[in-house]
Amino acid sequence: MHSIGEQIRAHLPYQRRNAASLALLIFAMILTLSAFAEVGLARDGNIPGGLFVYGGGLVVMAFAAYFVQAKFTPYADPLLLPLAVALNGVGLAMIYRLDLDTSHDRKAAALAGKKLVKDAADAPGQLMWTFVGIGLFVAAVLIMRDTSKPDAPLSFTPKTAQRYTYLIGLTAVILLLLPIVPGIGQSINGARVWISVGPFSVQPGEFAKLLLVVFFAGYLVNKRQAMSLIGKKLGPISLPRARDLGPIMVIWFFCLGVLFMQKDLGTALLFFGLFVSMLYIATQRVSWVVIGIGLLAVGVFIATLLPFMGHVNQRIDIWQNPKPYFDGGCLLDNDKVVPVNPDTDIFKKYKAQGDLSPGFSACAELGGEYSDSAQLMKGLFALGQGGVLGTGLGQGEPWRTPLSFSDFIFDSLGEELGLTGLMVLLLIYALIVQRGMKTAVAARDPFLKLFAGGVSFVLALQVFVIVGGVTRLIPLTGLTTPFLSQGGSSLMANWILIAILVRMSHDARKPAPQAIQDEGMTQIVSTR
């Protein structure tokens, strides 16, 4: 890895790329403003007022972030900030399109007798969280100083975090356990991953993932030599020594605990996959990946056998066969799924009584676990409706899909932007990950290599898990789509992630310090 890093550093342009970053940022803002304009023109035939409120607000914050980056991290990768702004802007435009106050097509659909799904798209709230997220980006860039200046005021560099490895790891564990604390923890859609702080709901796992990257990087820097040693060979695979299996087993049990207590398959998959990937980056041993995949399969199998893991089992059942759960299904103890949709008598009984959740109440009477695959199925219908080129922003019906503004915003964008638009979004994510991995390889310090690689991989894995879930490639999970989904926790955590990559890319790309004088002209001073 060191030789590859030296080769990359030898070809890095040790010059400030602020002009390139500014040009790309302007293009990202044109893209965002065009999205807002298209929404208004498609629905109302004129430029929407939101173009100046939401688009203008994002423009101001984006350029403020650029000027801070240009001043304090002039050698940073020029692509990271514009790519993040482009994703954030497209997501904000889609949420604005889905907002109840701006979606006139919902009223037209209601008058036509079409069935509507109650949404809670909140464009003003998302704009506020965008301000907070970019503000955290600016604060992180200002606080994180050059690694060559550790004594600067308020200095905290990415390298500084290595000194607090275990404290940061403990903080991450506490954040992950907060949702199970009675009184503040909340269970939403079957998964207990939220906490209530006053009028706000926070998903602490979004911040815990960044802290776990620091902990894994600090731990593996010290232990990678021992974990790279080879034990027995099983065919073409060189297995590690038995004594070195301890850490991965501890993380495996920890992720199983998260899965059992919070009933959230996505979080457990994210954290375990993160550790295995960083273990591979540190040791270059494929055997660790094989062991990790095997342990993950065993953990999921154990979860399917436990009676109190009905929510996870239903997610897997819906992934395999969503039809019995469409518009409501009830999983009984004998593993039989009984429909409790609006066409059933038991549903109509509770509906007539004014029950707010007649399907859930009907399933409770039957003594089973309720679930509904309509969300997944309608999302797939939306993708099919979008086709290759999409219906156009403002011209589809994405509000038919439940949670079209958060968990299923990828499907909403697929309906109106088509497969072509989704490929562009995935390429933007891929570019962010690629630039982060390039920063990891070019970093001079082993800890920073693992830190940058882990931060990049956690973004890639989160995108894979949520996109795979909403497209039925893997079971659906409760993760959010970075920068696109509505919600403050995800937006703040991912803007901090971009700030970390910006700081580390600056440190990796800046020129090495020059000697004060030529070593061949050393001055000789007589002491007599």
Protein backbone atom coordinates (compact mmCIF):
# COMPACT_ATOMS: atom_id res chain seq x y z
CA MET A 1 0.00 0.00 0.00
CA HIS A 2 2.90 2.32 0.73
CA SER A 3 4.38 1.89 -2.75
CA ILE A 4 1.01 2.57 -4.39
CA GLY A 5 0.56 5.62 -2.18
CA GLU A 6 3.97 6.97 -3.18
CA GLN A 7 3.11 6.47 -6.85
CA ILE A 8 -0.19 8.32 -6.46
CA ARG A 9 1.43 11.17 -4.52
CA ALA A 10 4.05 11.44 -7.25
CA HIS A 11 1.29 12.12 -9.79
CA LEU A 12 -0.89 14.33 -7.60
CA PRO A 13 -1.19 17.94 -8.78
CA TYR A 14 0.41 19.81 -5.89
CA GLN A 15 -1.45 22.95 -6.76
CA ARG A 16 -4.61 24.66 -5.63
CA ARG A 17 -7.66 23.53 -7.58
CA ASN A 18 -10.02 26.19 -6.24
CA ALA A 19 -11.02 27.39 -9.71
CA ALA A 20 -12.00 23.86 -10.75
CA SER A 21 -13.97 23.38 -7.53
CA LEU A 22 -15.79 26.69 -8.05
CA ALA A 23 -16.70 25.80 -11.65
CA LEU A 24 -18.07 22.42 -10.55
CA LEU A 25 -19.97 24.04 -7.68
CA ILE A 26 -21.61 26.49 -10.10
CA PHE A 27 -22.62 23.56 -12.30
CA ALA A 28 -24.11 21.76 -9.27
CA MET A 29 -26.13 24.86 -8.39
CA ILE A 30 -27.38 25.22 -11.99
CA LEU A 31 -28.50 21.58 -11.78
CA THR A 32 -30.34 22.22 -8.51
CA LEU A 33 -32.03 25.44 -9.66
CA SER A 34 -33.07 23.74 -12.91
CA ALA A 35 -34.72 20.97 -10.90
CA PHE A 36 -36.78 23.49 -8.90
CA ALA A 37 -37.73 25.36 -12.08
CA GLU A 38 -38.82 22.16 -13.84
CA VAL A 39 -41.05 21.17 -10.92
CA GLY A 40 -42.90 24.51 -11.08
CA LEU A 41 -43.12 24.65 -14.86
CA ALA A 42 -44.44 21.09 -15.10
CA ARG A 43 -47.18 21.59 -12.51
CA ASP A 44 -48.18 25.24 -12.72
CA GLY A 45 -46.62 26.52 -15.94
CA ASN A 46 -44.48 29.16 -14.21
CA ILE A 47 -41.29 29.48 -12.16
CA PRO A 48 -42.06 28.46 -8.55
CA GLY A 49 -41.41 30.74 -5.62
CA GLY A 50 -39.42 27.94 -4.06
CA LEU A 51 -36.72 28.50 -6.66
CA PHE A 52 -35.70 31.70 -4.88
CA VAL A 53 -36.35 30.55 -1.30
CA TYR A 54 -34.98 27.01 -1.31
CA GLY A 55 -32.61 27.23 -4.26
CA GLY A 56 -31.34 30.64 -3.21
CA GLY A 57 -30.76 29.50 0.36
CA LEU A 58 -28.78 26.50 -0.81
CA VAL A 59 -26.70 28.71 -3.14
CA VAL A 60 -25.73 31.03 -0.28
CA MET A 61 -24.72 28.17 2.02
CA ALA A 62 -22.86 26.29 -0.72
CA PHE A 63 -20.73 29.28 -1.65
CA ALA A 64 -20.04 30.05 2.01
CA ALA A 65 -18.77 26.46 2.37
CA TYR A 66 -16.64 26.90 -0.75
CA PHE A 67 -14.92 30.06 0.51
CA VAL A 68 -14.12 28.37 3.85
CA GLN A 69 -12.74 25.35 2.01
CA ALA A 70 -10.69 27.53 -0.37
CA LYS A 71 -9.12 29.44 2.52
CA PHE A 72 -8.42 26.69 5.05
CA THR A 73 -8.05 23.61 2.82
CA PRO A 74 -6.82 25.02 -0.52
CA TYR A 75 -5.33 21.70 -1.68
CA ALA A 76 -8.49 19.68 -0.96
CA ASP A 77 -10.01 17.45 -3.61
CA PRO A 78 -12.04 19.78 -5.87
CA LEU A 79 -14.85 17.27 -6.48
CA LEU A 80 -16.05 16.43 -2.96
CA LEU A 81 -17.97 19.63 -2.09
CA PRO A 82 -19.69 20.08 -5.50
CA LEU A 83 -20.79 16.43 -5.58
CA ALA A 84 -22.29 16.63 -2.09
CA VAL A 85 -24.07 19.90 -2.94
CA ALA A 86 -25.50 18.34 -6.11
CA LEU A 87 -26.96 15.39 -4.18
CA ASN A 88 -28.32 17.63 -1.42
CA GLY A 89 -29.87 20.00 -3.98
CA VAL A 90 -31.58 17.26 -5.98
CA GLY A 91 -32.96 15.73 -2.78
CA LEU A 92 -34.25 19.11 -1.60
CA ALA A 93 -35.93 19.73 -4.96
CA MET A 94 -37.66 16.33 -4.80
CA ILE A 95 -38.86 16.92 -1.23
CA TYR A 96 -40.15 20.34 -2.28
CA ARG A 97 -42.04 18.61 -5.09
CA LEU A 98 -43.56 16.15 -2.59
CA ASP A 99 -44.46 18.74 0.03
CA LEU A 100 -48.18 18.76 0.78
CA ASP A 101 -48.38 22.53 0.44
CA THR A 102 -46.89 22.56 -3.04
CA SER A 103 -48.25 19.36 -4.60
CA HIS A 104 -51.32 20.60 -6.45
CA ASP A 105 -51.46 17.31 -8.33
CA ARG A 106 -52.42 15.59 -5.05
CA LYS A 107 -55.56 17.71 -4.88
CA ALA A 108 -56.39 16.88 -8.47
CA ALA A 109 -55.89 13.18 -7.78
CA ALA A 110 -58.12 13.35 -4.69
CA LEU A 111 -60.91 15.04 -6.71
CA ALA A 112 -60.57 12.27 -9.30
CA GLY A 113 -61.20 9.66 -6.58
CA LYS A 114 -57.68 8.24 -6.58
CA LYS A 115 -56.34 6.66 -3.40
CA LEU A 116 -53.72 8.83 -1.71
CA VAL A 117 -51.07 7.92 0.81
CA LYS A 118 -50.56 10.34 3.67
CA ASP A 119 -47.05 11.79 3.44
CA ALA A 120 -45.16 14.19 5.63
CA ALA A 121 -42.76 15.79 3.18
CA ASP A 122 -41.36 18.93 4.81
CA ALA A 123 -39.38 21.13 2.44
CA PRO A 124 -38.87 24.02 4.95
CA GLY A 125 -37.61 21.55 7.55
CA GLN A 126 -35.23 19.94 5.07
CA LEU A 127 -33.90 23.38 4.09
CA MET A 128 -33.27 24.10 7.77
CA TRP A 129 -31.38 20.82 8.22
CA THR A 130 -29.40 21.62 5.06
CA PHE A 131 -28.30 24.88 6.68
CA VAL A 132 -27.32 22.99 9.83
CA GLY A 133 -25.49 20.28 7.87
CA ILE A 134 -23.45 22.73 5.77
CA GLY A 135 -22.83 24.75 8.94
CA LEU A 136 -21.35 21.63 10.55
CA PHE A 137 -19.22 21.12 7.44
CA VAL A 138 -17.85 24.66 7.82
CA ALA A 139 -17.28 24.19 11.56
CA ALA A 140 -15.51 20.86 11.05
CA VAL A 141 -13.19 22.31 8.39
CA LEU A 142 -12.36 25.25 10.68
CA ILE A 143 -11.74 23.07 13.76
CA MET A 144 -9.78 20.31 12.04
CA ARG A 145 -6.39 21.87 11.38
CA ASP A 146 -3.39 20.63 9.42
CA THR A 147 -1.77 17.54 10.88
CA SER A 148 1.53 19.46 10.73
CA LYS A 149 0.13 22.08 13.14
CA PRO A 150 -1.18 20.10 16.12
CA ASP A 151 -0.65 22.97 18.58
CA ALA A 152 -2.92 25.50 16.87
CA PRO A 153 -5.83 26.94 18.93
CA LEU A 154 -8.88 24.67 19.01
CA SER A 155 -6.77 22.14 17.13
CA PHE A 156 -8.33 18.79 16.41
CA THR A 157 -6.97 16.94 13.40
CA PRO A 158 -8.14 13.56 12.07
CA LYS A 159 -4.86 12.21 13.48
CA THR A 160 -5.74 13.57 16.94
CA ALA A 161 -8.64 11.11 17.15
CA GLN A 162 -6.17 8.20 17.31
CA ARG A 163 -5.22 9.20 20.86
CA TYR A 164 -8.82 8.68 22.03
CA THR A 165 -9.55 5.40 20.21
CA TYR A 166 -11.22 3.53 23.05
CA LEU A 167 -13.06 6.57 24.43
CA ILE A 168 -14.51 7.21 20.97
CA GLY A 169 -15.45 3.53 20.66
CA LEU A 170 -17.27 3.66 24.01
CA THR A 171 -19.13 6.80 22.90
CA ALA A 172 -20.24 5.00 19.73
CA VAL A 173 -21.59 2.08 21.75
CA ILE A 174 -23.51 4.45 24.03
CA LEU A 175 -25.06 6.18 21.02
CA LEU A 176 -26.14 2.83 19.60
CA LEU A 177 -27.74 1.79 22.89
CA LEU A 178 -29.67 5.03 23.44
CA PRO A 179 -32.70 3.95 21.34
CA ILE A 180 -33.40 1.02 23.69
CA VAL A 181 -33.48 3.28 26.77
CA PRO A 182 -37.10 3.55 28.00
CA GLY A 183 -38.57 7.01 27.75
CA ILE A 184 -36.37 8.39 24.99
CA GLY A 185 -36.18 5.48 22.54
CA GLN A 186 -38.74 5.24 19.74
CA SER A 187 -39.81 2.34 17.57
CA ILE A 188 -40.74 3.43 14.03
CA ASN A 189 -41.85 0.93 11.40
CA GLY A 190 -40.77 -1.94 13.64
CA ALA A 191 -37.16 -0.79 14.12
CA ARG A 192 -36.04 0.87 17.36
CA VAL A 193 -33.30 3.19 16.10
CA TRP A 194 -34.66 6.63 17.06
CA ILE A 195 -34.57 8.79 20.18
CA SER A 196 -36.77 11.80 20.98
CA VAL A 197 -35.11 15.04 22.02
CA GLY A 198 -37.86 17.57 22.67
CA PRO A 199 -39.81 18.07 19.44
CA PHE A 200 -37.04 16.47 17.37
CA SER A 201 -36.27 12.84 16.58
CA VAL A 202 -32.63 11.85 16.17
CA GLN A 203 -31.10 8.67 14.77
CA PRO A 204 -27.88 8.33 16.84
CA GLY A 205 -26.62 5.46 14.68
CA GLU A 206 -25.84 7.98 11.93
CA PHE A 207 -23.20 9.59 14.16
CA ALA A 208 -22.11 6.31 15.73
CA LYS A 209 -20.96 5.02 12.33
CA LEU A 210 -18.37 7.81 12.07
CA LEU A 211 -17.13 7.17 15.60
CA LEU A 212 -16.86 3.45 14.89
CA VAL A 213 -14.70 4.20 11.84
CA VAL A 214 -12.28 6.05 14.16
CA PHE A 215 -12.32 3.19 16.67
CA PHE A 216 -11.76 0.48 14.06
CA ALA A 217 -8.96 2.49 12.42
CA GLY A 218 -7.18 3.09 15.74
CA TYR A 219 -7.53 -0.54 16.80
CA LEU A 220 -6.41 -2.05 13.50
CA VAL A 221 -3.36 0.22 13.19
CA ASN A 222 -2.02 -1.37 16.38
CA LYS A 223 -3.17 -4.94 15.70
CA ARG A 224 -2.88 -5.35 11.93
CA GLN A 225 0.54 -7.02 12.07
CA ALA A 226 -0.72 -9.77 14.33
CA MET A 227 -3.96 -10.17 12.37
CA SER A 228 -2.00 -10.47 9.12
CA LEU A 229 -0.22 -13.63 10.27
CA ILE A 230 -1.33 -16.84 8.58
CA GLY A 231 -2.54 -19.89 10.44
CA LYS A 232 -3.85 -22.97 8.64
CA LYS A 233 -4.71 -23.18 4.95
CA LEU A 234 -8.10 -24.32 3.71
CA GLY A 235 -7.72 -24.94 0.02
CA PRO A 236 -6.62 -21.70 -1.68
CA ILE A 237 -7.56 -19.60 1.37
CA SER A 238 -5.04 -18.84 4.11
CA LEU A 239 -6.92 -18.68 7.40
CA PRO A 240 -5.75 -16.43 10.25
CA ARG A 241 -4.61 -17.80 13.56
CA ALA A 242 -7.36 -18.88 15.96
CA ARG A 243 -6.16 -16.43 18.61
CA ASP A 244 -6.71 -13.53 16.19
CA LEU A 245 -10.39 -14.36 15.66
CA GLY A 246 -11.32 -12.70 18.94
CA PRO A 247 -11.93 -9.15 17.66
CA ILE A 248 -14.13 -10.19 14.75
CA MET A 249 -16.13 -12.47 17.06
CA VAL A 250 -16.65 -9.60 19.52
CA ILE A 251 -17.88 -7.32 16.73
CA TRP A 252 -20.09 -10.16 15.44
CA PHE A 253 -21.75 -10.61 18.84
CA PHE A 254 -22.11 -6.83 19.17
CA CYS A 255 -23.86 -6.56 15.79
CA LEU A 256 -26.12 -9.49 16.72
CA GLY A 257 -27.01 -7.58 19.88
CA VAL A 258 -27.90 -4.53 17.82
CA LEU A 259 -29.99 -6.73 15.54
CA PHE A 260 -31.84 -8.42 18.43
CA MET A 261 -32.45 -5.31 20.55
CA GLN A 262 -33.24 -2.79 17.81
CA LYS A 263 -34.63 -5.25 15.24
CA ASP A 264 -32.79 -3.35 12.54
CA LEU A 265 -31.05 -5.56 9.98
CA GLY A 266 -29.62 -2.58 8.08
CA THR A 267 -27.65 -1.15 11.02
CA ALA A 268 -26.20 -4.53 11.94
CA LEU A 269 -25.20 -5.17 8.32
CA LEU A 270 -23.64 -1.70 8.02
CA PHE A 271 -21.46 -1.97 11.12
CA PHE A 272 -20.32 -5.55 10.57
CA GLY A 273 -19.58 -4.89 6.90
CA LEU A 274 -17.63 -1.79 7.90
CA PHE A 275 -15.41 -3.73 10.29
CA VAL A 276 -14.75 -6.56 7.84
CA SER A 277 -13.90 -4.12 5.04
CA MET A 278 -11.49 -2.15 7.23
CA LEU A 279 -9.96 -5.42 8.40
CA TYR A 280 -9.31 -6.33 4.79
CA ILE A 281 -7.82 -2.88 4.05
CA ALA A 282 -5.48 -3.24 7.04
CA THR A 283 -4.35 -6.85 6.44
CA GLN A 284 -4.94 -7.47 2.70
CA ARG A 285 -6.20 -10.96 3.65
CA VAL A 286 -9.17 -12.30 1.63
CA SER A 287 -9.72 -14.89 4.33
CA TRP A 288 -11.11 -12.19 6.64
CA VAL A 289 -13.75 -11.32 4.04
CA VAL A 290 -14.73 -14.99 3.67
CA ILE A 291 -14.98 -15.38 7.46
CA GLY A 292 -17.01 -12.17 7.72
CA ILE A 293 -19.51 -13.22 5.06
CA GLY A 294 -19.86 -16.62 6.74
CA LEU A 295 -20.48 -15.09 10.16
CA LEU A 296 -23.00 -12.66 8.68
CA ALA A 297 -24.93 -15.54 7.07
CA VAL A 298 -24.90 -17.45 10.37
CA GLY A 299 -26.14 -14.38 12.26
CA VAL A 300 -29.06 -13.81 9.87
CA PHE A 301 -29.94 -17.51 10.05
CA ILE A 302 -29.99 -17.39 13.87
CA ALA A 303 -32.22 -14.31 13.74
CA THR A 304 -34.76 -16.14 11.57
CA LEU A 305 -35.05 -18.89 14.18
CA LEU A 306 -35.82 -16.62 17.14
CA PRO A 307 -39.54 -16.06 17.84
CA PHE A 308 -39.15 -12.44 18.98
CA MET A 309 -37.50 -11.43 15.69
CA GLY A 310 -40.78 -11.39 13.79
CA HIS A 311 -40.10 -7.97 12.23
CA VAL A 312 -36.79 -9.13 10.72
CA ASN A 313 -38.34 -12.40 9.56
CA GLN A 314 -41.13 -10.49 7.84
CA ARG A 315 -38.61 -8.28 6.05
CA ILE A 316 -36.97 -11.42 4.67
CA ASP A 317 -40.35 -12.99 3.80
CA ILE A 318 -41.45 -9.82 1.99
CA TRP A 319 -38.17 -9.77 0.09
CA GLN A 320 -38.76 -13.34 -1.08
CA ASN A 321 -42.50 -13.05 -1.75
CA PRO A 322 -44.15 -9.65 -1.18
CA LYS A 323 -47.55 -10.53 -2.68
CA PRO A 324 -49.23 -12.05 0.47
CA TYR A 325 -48.40 -8.90 2.45
CA PHE A 326 -49.67 -6.38 -0.10
CA ASP A 327 -51.87 -3.77 1.65
CA GLY A 328 -51.50 -5.74 4.89
CA GLY A 329 -50.62 -9.28 5.92
CA CYS A 330 -50.53 -11.10 9.25
CA LEU A 331 -47.84 -13.70 10.00
CA LEU A 332 -49.23 -16.34 12.37
CA ASP A 333 -47.31 -18.69 14.65
CA ASN A 334 -47.59 -21.51 12.11
CA ASP A 335 -45.72 -19.31 9.56
CA LYS A 336 -48.91 -18.82 7.56
CA VAL A 337 -49.62 -15.34 6.19
CA VAL A 338 -53.28 -14.25 6.44
CA PRO A 339 -54.37 -11.16 4.42
CA VAL A 340 -55.74 -8.25 6.46
CA ASN A 341 -56.08 -5.81 3.57
CA PRO A 342 -59.04 -3.47 2.94
CA ASP A 343 -60.91 -6.23 1.07
CA THR A 344 -61.11 -8.54 4.10
CA ASP A 345 -64.05 -8.65 6.52
CA ILE A 346 -61.90 -8.30 9.64
CA PHE A 347 -60.30 -5.14 8.23
CA LYS A 348 -63.73 -3.69 7.42
CA LYS A 349 -64.89 -4.40 10.97
CA TYR A 350 -62.16 -2.30 12.56
CA LYS A 351 -62.48 0.32 9.83
CA ALA A 352 -66.17 0.74 10.65
CA GLN A 353 -65.23 1.27 14.30
CA GLY A 354 -63.04 4.22 13.30
CA ASP A 355 -59.78 2.44 14.11
CA LEU A 356 -56.78 4.43 12.83
CA SER A 357 -54.83 1.22 12.03
CA PRO A 358 -57.47 -1.36 11.17
CA GLY A 359 -54.98 -3.77 9.59
CA PHE A 360 -52.74 -3.73 12.66
CA SER A 361 -55.69 -4.19 15.01
CA ALA A 362 -57.05 -7.04 12.87
CA CYS A 363 -53.70 -8.81 13.02
CA ALA A 364 -53.54 -8.32 16.80
CA GLU A 365 -56.91 -10.08 17.10
CA LEU A 366 -55.53 -12.98 15.07
CA GLY A 367 -52.46 -13.15 17.33
CA GLY A 368 -49.87 -12.55 14.63
CA GLU A 369 -47.26 -10.05 13.42
CA TYR A 370 -48.52 -7.35 11.04
CA SER A 371 -46.59 -6.10 8.03
CA ASP A 372 -47.35 -4.40 4.75
CA SER A 373 -45.41 -4.85 1.49
CA ALA A 374 -47.33 -2.10 -0.32
CA GLN A 375 -44.44 0.27 0.32
CA LEU A 376 -41.95 -1.98 -1.49
CA MET A 377 -44.36 -2.97 -4.26
CA LYS A 378 -45.49 0.59 -5.00
CA GLY A 379 -41.86 1.67 -5.09
CA LEU A 380 -41.16 -0.99 -7.71
CA PHE A 381 -44.25 0.11 -9.65
CA ALA A 382 -42.88 3.68 -9.59
CA LEU A 383 -39.54 2.51 -11.01
CA GLY A 384 -41.37 0.65 -13.76
CA GLN A 385 -43.48 3.72 -14.50
CA GLY A 386 -40.34 5.85 -14.85
CA GLY A 387 -38.72 3.59 -17.41
CA VAL A 388 -35.46 4.73 -18.97
CA LEU A 389 -35.98 8.50 -19.18
CA GLY A 390 -38.65 9.08 -16.51
CA THR A 391 -41.86 11.04 -16.55
CA GLY A 392 -40.09 14.33 -15.82
CA LEU A 393 -39.85 16.22 -12.52
CA GLY A 394 -43.31 17.23 -11.36
CA GLN A 395 -45.10 15.00 -13.88
CA GLY A 396 -45.17 11.64 -12.09
CA GLU A 397 -47.11 10.39 -9.07
CA PRO A 398 -44.38 9.56 -6.54
CA TRP A 399 -46.67 10.49 -3.64
CA ARG A 400 -48.46 7.16 -4.16
CA THR A 401 -45.48 5.39 -2.51
CA PRO A 402 -45.42 5.50 1.31
CA LEU A 403 -42.40 7.39 2.71
CA SER A 404 -41.63 8.62 -0.81
CA PHE A 405 -39.68 11.54 0.71
CA SER A 406 -37.40 9.51 3.01
CA ASP A 407 -36.85 5.74 2.79
CA PHE A 408 -38.15 5.54 -0.79
CA ILE A 409 -36.93 8.81 -2.25
CA PHE A 410 -34.69 6.80 -4.58
CA ASP A 411 -37.81 5.25 -6.14
CA SER A 412 -39.50 8.66 -6.32
CA LEU A 413 -36.54 10.02 -8.25
CA GLY A 414 -36.54 6.90 -10.41
CA GLU A 415 -40.13 7.52 -11.45
CA GLU A 416 -39.51 11.12 -12.54
CA LEU A 417 -35.87 10.93 -13.67
CA GLY A 418 -35.92 7.38 -14.97
CA LEU A 419 -33.11 4.84 -15.03
CA THR A 420 -30.86 7.45 -16.65
CA GLY A 421 -31.25 9.86 -13.74
CA LEU A 422 -30.68 7.10 -11.18
CA MET A 423 -27.47 6.06 -12.92
CA VAL A 424 -26.27 9.67 -12.70
CA LEU A 425 -26.99 9.75 -8.95
CA LEU A 426 -25.20 6.43 -8.40
CA LEU A 427 -22.23 7.71 -10.38
CA ILE A 428 -22.08 10.78 -8.12
CA TYR A 429 -21.96 8.49 -5.08
CA ALA A 430 -19.30 6.37 -6.80
CA LEU A 431 -17.21 9.47 -7.49
CA ILE A 432 -17.34 10.53 -3.83
CA VAL A 433 -16.26 7.04 -2.75
CA GLN A 434 -13.51 6.93 -5.41
CA ARG A 435 -12.09 10.28 -4.33
CA GLY A 436 -12.18 9.15 -0.71
CA MET A 437 -10.36 5.92 -1.53
CA LYS A 438 -7.78 7.87 -3.52
CA THR A 439 -7.24 10.06 -0.48
CA ALA A 440 -6.82 6.94 1.66
CA VAL A 441 -4.14 5.50 -0.62
CA ALA A 442 -2.27 8.82 -0.86
CA ALA A 443 -2.34 9.48 2.91
CA ARG A 444 1.10 9.30 4.55
CA ASP A 445 -0.02 7.98 7.93
CA PRO A 446 -1.38 4.39 8.42
CA PHE A 447 -4.16 5.60 10.72
CA LEU A 448 -5.28 8.22 8.19
CA LYS A 449 -5.25 5.59 5.44
CA LEU A 450 -7.66 3.39 7.40
CA PHE A 451 -9.73 6.38 8.53
CA ALA A 452 -10.26 7.73 5.01
CA GLY A 453 -10.86 4.24 3.60
CA GLY A 454 -13.41 3.44 6.31
CA VAL A 455 -15.27 6.75 5.90
CA SER A 456 -15.48 6.17 2.14
CA PHE A 457 -16.59 2.57 2.47
CA VAL A 458 -19.30 3.32 5.03
CA LEU A 459 -20.89 5.72 2.52
CA ALA A 460 -20.66 3.10 -0.25
CA LEU A 461 -22.12 0.36 1.93
CA GLN A 462 -25.00 2.55 3.12
CA VAL A 463 -25.93 3.44 -0.46
CA PHE A 464 -25.76 -0.24 -1.46
CA VAL A 465 -27.95 -1.36 1.45
CA ILE A 466 -30.71 1.22 0.94
CA VAL A 467 -30.72 1.09 -2.87
CA GLY A 468 -30.59 -2.70 -2.81
CA GLY A 469 -33.51 -2.74 -0.38
CA VAL A 470 -35.86 -0.45 -2.31
CA THR A 471 -35.10 -2.27 -5.58
CA ARG A 472 -35.60 -5.69 -3.93
CA LEU A 473 -32.02 -6.80 -4.51
CA ILE A 474 -31.68 -7.47 -0.77
CA PRO A 475 -34.19 -7.34 2.14
CA LEU A 476 -35.48 -3.84 2.88
CA THR A 477 -33.76 -2.03 5.76
CA GLY A 478 -34.32 1.20 7.65
CA LEU A 479 -31.26 3.13 6.48
CA THR A 480 -31.49 6.49 4.75
CA THR A 481 -30.19 7.51 1.33
CA PRO A 482 -27.26 9.89 2.05
CA PHE A 483 -27.99 13.56 1.22
CA LEU A 484 -31.26 12.71 -0.59
CA SER A 485 -33.62 11.47 2.14
CA GLN A 486 -35.54 13.84 4.36
CA GLY A 487 -34.15 13.97 7.89
CA GLY A 488 -31.65 15.90 9.95
CA SER A 489 -29.57 13.11 11.50
CA SER A 490 -28.44 11.63 8.19
CA LEU A 491 -27.82 15.02 6.60
CA MET A 492 -25.69 16.30 9.47
CA ALA A 493 -23.64 13.10 9.76
CA ASN A 494 -22.93 12.95 6.03
CA TRP A 495 -21.88 16.59 5.81
CA ILE A 496 -19.41 15.91 8.64
CA LEU A 497 -18.22 12.90 6.63
CA ILE A 498 -17.53 15.14 3.63
CA ALA A 499 -15.67 17.62 5.86
CA ILE A 500 -13.42 14.81 7.13
CA LEU A 501 -12.61 13.75 3.57
CA VAL A 502 -11.96 17.36 2.54
CA ARG A 503 -9.51 17.84 5.41
CA MET A 504 -7.69 14.56 4.78
CA SER A 505 -7.52 15.14 1.03
CA HIS A 506 -5.93 18.53 1.71
CA ASP A 507 -3.30 16.93 3.93
CA ALA A 508 -2.59 14.23 1.34
CA ARG A 509 -2.41 16.58 -1.66
CA LYS A 510 -0.49 19.52 -0.22
CA PRO A 511 3.23 19.81 -1.06
CA ALA A 512 5.72 18.41 1.40
CA PRO A 513 7.49 21.10 3.48
CA GLN A 514 10.71 22.35 1.91
CA ALA A 515 14.04 22.42 3.71
CA ILE A 516 15.10 25.83 4.98
CA GLN A 517 18.50 25.54 3.34
CA ASP A 518 20.48 23.18 1.16
CA GLU A 519 22.00 20.37 3.21
CA GLY A 520 25.19 20.70 1.16
CA MET A 521 25.73 24.26 2.41
CA THR A 522 25.61 23.63 6.13
CA GLN A 523 27.28 26.47 8.05
CA ILE A 524 30.11 25.55 10.44
CA VAL A 525 30.22 27.58 13.63
CA SER A 526 33.29 27.62 15.82
CA THR A 527 32.70 27.41 19.59
CA ARG A 528 36.12 28.76 20.59
